[in-house]
Amino acid sequence: MSTKFVIKEGKNLTNDELVVINSWRKKEFNSKSVIKPEPGNDDWNKKYFILLNENDKIVAFARLHDVNLELKGKKYNILGLASLVSTERGRGYGKKLTLEMKKFIEGSGKNGIGFCNKKLTDFYRKCGFGIITDGTSRFIYKDDNGQLIKDPWGGGDVIYIRGKDDLTNRILSNSTENVISYRRYW
């Protein structure tokens, strides 16, 4: 079965694509938020990675967020991997999409960081991602009022693709240092 890979900004997603993406996010992650791109909101310019079959039906999708992090007072902008879903299991669609995203992240020069349930860790390892076991506990969300909220991602491992800066090395070299995130969920 042939597939086609596309990257779209949220503003270019069709209503049919949004229905598929939102319904699968609810099914897979019990997500209560709805992706609704509108001028000026976060979803408008966000990148959506979509794998289509020969009938242009979505068989896998994911998104990348621009995320600001801070480690030991130094600020970083990374690409946050989110909502990777394969709508048809066991056909290699998730892997194909993940490898395309990996190429995109590597080409950007930025770090790519995401969070995964432990049952998915081996999948990401096989796709060439680095793994920080039990790493989500090190990522702390800092809200607009400066309040720190621990582990909003619910536990699990951190997956990463190294960027050109020193962030990944700094995270790996000190397993007790927390990483501050200025984005609650990604």
Protein backbone atom coordinates (compact mmCIF):
# COMPACT_ATOMS: atom_id res chain seq x y z
CA MET A 1 0.00 0.00 0.00
CA SER A 2 1.49 3.33 -1.01
CA THR A 3 1.54 6.32 1.30
CA LYS A 4 2.14 10.02 1.04
CA PHE A 5 3.75 12.14 3.75
CA VAL A 6 2.73 15.79 4.17
CA ILE A 7 3.47 18.55 6.65
CA LYS A 8 0.72 21.11 7.15
CA GLU A 9 0.34 24.13 9.36
CA GLY A 10 -2.84 24.08 11.40
CA LYS A 11 -4.39 26.86 9.32
CA ASN A 12 -4.21 24.55 6.26
CA LEU A 13 -5.90 21.52 7.81
CA THR A 14 -9.28 20.64 6.34
CA ASN A 15 -12.36 20.15 8.49
CA ASP A 16 -12.27 16.43 7.67
CA GLU A 17 -8.63 16.21 8.82
CA LEU A 18 -9.46 18.03 12.04
CA VAL A 19 -12.32 15.61 12.75
CA VAL A 20 -9.98 12.62 12.32
CA ILE A 21 -7.18 14.17 14.39
CA ASN A 22 -9.45 15.29 17.23
CA SER A 23 -11.40 12.03 17.41
CA TRP A 24 -8.22 9.93 17.50
CA ARG A 25 -6.61 12.18 20.13
CA LYS A 26 -9.69 11.66 22.29
CA LYS A 27 -9.66 7.91 21.66
CA GLU A 28 -5.91 7.39 22.22
CA PHE A 29 -5.14 9.93 24.94
CA ASN A 30 -8.57 10.74 26.37
CA SER A 31 -7.79 14.31 25.30
CA LYS A 32 -10.43 16.81 26.30
CA SER A 33 -8.86 19.65 24.33
CA VAL A 34 -9.90 20.21 20.74
CA ILE A 35 -7.51 21.34 18.02
CA LYS A 36 -9.24 24.30 16.41
CA PRO A 37 -6.86 26.46 14.37
CA GLU A 38 -7.86 30.11 14.35
CA PRO A 39 -5.79 33.21 13.57
CA GLY A 40 -3.68 34.06 16.60
CA ASN A 41 -4.14 30.81 18.52
CA ASP A 42 -1.49 28.18 19.18
CA ASP A 43 -2.86 25.70 16.63
CA TRP A 44 -2.76 28.14 13.70
CA ASN A 45 0.95 27.82 12.80
CA LYS A 46 1.76 24.53 14.53
CA LYS A 47 3.18 21.80 12.27
CA TYR A 48 1.09 18.68 11.73
CA PHE A 49 2.75 15.63 10.21
CA ILE A 50 0.32 13.46 8.29
CA LEU A 51 0.69 10.13 6.53
CA LEU A 52 -2.00 9.43 3.93
CA ASN A 53 -2.85 6.21 2.14
CA GLU A 54 -3.51 5.99 -1.62
CA ASN A 55 -7.08 7.23 -1.03
CA ASP A 56 -5.80 10.28 0.89
CA LYS A 57 -7.13 8.85 4.17
CA ILE A 58 -5.10 9.70 7.28
CA VAL A 59 -3.34 6.56 8.52
CA ALA A 60 -0.98 8.30 10.98
CA PHE A 61 -0.44 11.80 12.33
CA ALA A 62 1.55 13.75 14.90
CA ARG A 63 2.46 17.33 15.70
CA LEU A 64 5.45 19.37 16.70
CA HIS A 65 5.27 22.30 19.10
CA ASP A 66 7.77 25.05 19.67
CA VAL A 67 8.57 24.67 23.36
CA ASN A 68 10.68 26.90 25.58
CA LEU A 69 12.69 25.11 28.24
CA GLU A 70 15.15 26.23 30.88
CA LEU A 71 17.96 24.25 32.46
CA LYS A 72 20.24 25.80 35.08
CA GLY A 73 19.15 29.30 34.06
CA LYS A 74 19.89 28.79 30.36
CA LYS A 75 16.94 29.00 27.96
CA TYR A 76 16.37 26.69 25.00
CA ASN A 77 13.79 26.44 22.23
CA ILE A 78 13.05 22.86 21.22
CA LEU A 79 10.58 20.93 19.10
CA GLY A 80 8.13 19.06 21.31
CA LEU A 81 6.79 15.83 19.83
CA ALA A 82 3.12 15.25 20.51
CA SER A 83 0.11 13.11 19.71
CA LEU A 84 1.68 10.45 17.48
CA VAL A 85 -1.19 8.20 16.43
CA SER A 86 -1.45 5.44 13.87
CA THR A 87 -5.08 4.91 12.90
CA GLU A 88 -4.29 1.42 11.59
CA ARG A 89 -2.07 -0.75 13.77
CA GLY A 90 0.57 -3.22 12.63
CA ARG A 91 1.07 -1.81 9.15
CA GLY A 92 4.20 0.26 9.80
CA TYR A 93 2.45 3.62 9.42
CA GLY A 94 3.50 4.91 12.84
CA LYS A 95 7.11 4.00 12.20
CA LYS A 96 7.09 5.58 8.75
CA LEU A 97 5.67 8.83 10.14
CA THR A 98 8.07 8.81 13.10
CA LEU A 99 11.09 8.41 10.82
CA GLU A 100 9.89 11.35 8.67
CA MET A 101 9.51 13.49 11.80
CA LYS A 102 12.96 12.43 12.96
CA LYS A 103 14.47 13.59 9.64
CA PHE A 104 12.65 16.91 9.97
CA ILE A 105 13.89 17.44 13.54
CA GLU A 106 17.47 16.54 12.62
CA GLY A 107 17.33 18.96 9.70
CA SER A 108 16.13 21.76 11.98
CA GLY A 109 19.19 21.55 14.25
CA LYS A 110 16.88 21.76 17.29
CA ASN A 111 16.42 19.20 20.00
CA GLY A 112 13.28 17.12 19.66
CA ILE A 113 11.80 16.01 22.97
CA GLY A 114 8.65 14.06 23.76
CA PHE A 115 7.13 11.95 26.48
CA CYS A 116 5.97 8.38 26.09
CA ASN A 117 4.26 5.64 27.96
CA LYS A 118 6.77 2.95 28.89
CA LYS A 119 5.05 0.42 26.63
CA LEU A 120 6.08 2.58 23.64
CA THR A 121 9.72 3.13 24.63
CA ASP A 122 11.07 0.24 22.53
CA PHE A 123 9.20 1.54 19.46
CA TYR A 124 10.96 4.91 19.72
CA ARG A 125 14.31 3.27 20.46
CA LYS A 126 13.97 1.20 17.26
CA CYS A 127 13.22 4.43 15.37
CA GLY A 128 16.55 5.88 16.56
CA PHE A 129 15.42 8.08 19.43
CA GLY A 130 17.40 8.43 22.63
CA ILE A 131 15.58 7.46 25.81
CA ILE A 132 15.69 8.93 29.30
CA THR A 133 14.13 6.24 31.47
CA ASP A 134 11.61 7.68 33.95
CA GLY A 135 12.61 11.12 32.68
CA THR A 136 9.22 12.83 32.76
CA SER A 137 9.59 13.46 36.50
CA ARG A 138 12.49 15.83 35.71
CA PHE A 139 10.33 18.13 33.55
CA ILE A 140 8.54 20.77 35.64
CA TYR A 141 5.92 23.09 34.20
CA LYS A 142 6.16 26.77 35.18
CA ASP A 143 2.85 28.57 34.75
CA ASP A 144 2.29 32.26 34.00
CA ASN A 145 2.23 33.03 37.74
CA GLY A 146 5.60 31.35 38.31
CA GLN A 147 4.08 28.33 40.04
CA LEU A 148 5.96 25.08 39.45
CA ILE A 149 3.86 22.00 38.69
CA LYS A 150 5.57 18.61 38.76
CA ASP A 151 5.11 15.94 36.08
CA PRO A 152 1.97 17.04 34.25
CA TRP A 153 2.67 14.28 31.73
CA GLY A 154 1.67 11.43 34.03
CA GLY A 155 4.93 9.48 34.31
CA GLY A 156 6.95 7.67 31.75
CA ASP A 157 10.04 8.02 29.64
CA VAL A 158 11.45 10.94 27.67
CA ILE A 159 12.33 10.44 24.02
CA TYR A 160 14.76 12.74 22.28
CA ILE A 161 16.68 13.64 19.15
CA ARG A 162 19.84 15.63 19.84
CA GLY A 163 20.05 19.16 18.53
CA LYS A 164 23.11 21.26 17.78
CA ASP A 165 23.17 22.97 21.19
CA ASP A 166 24.24 21.45 24.51
CA LEU A 167 20.78 20.82 26.02
CA THR A 168 20.63 17.05 25.62
CA ASN A 169 24.16 16.59 26.95
CA ARG A 170 23.34 18.80 29.95
CA ILE A 171 20.15 16.84 30.70
CA LEU A 172 21.96 13.51 30.45
CA SER A 173 25.01 14.59 32.47
CA ASN A 174 23.03 15.50 35.59
CA SER A 175 20.17 13.13 36.39
CA THR A 176 18.93 15.19 39.34
CA GLU A 177 18.58 18.60 37.69
CA ASN A 178 15.02 19.58 36.73
CA VAL A 179 14.12 21.02 33.34
CA ILE A 180 11.64 23.89 33.45
CA SER A 181 9.00 23.90 30.70
CA TYR A 182 6.96 26.95 29.79
CA ARG A 183 4.41 24.81 27.97
CA ARG A 184 2.09 22.70 30.10
CA TYR A 185 1.30 19.88 27.71
CA TRP A 186 2.77 19.18 24.35
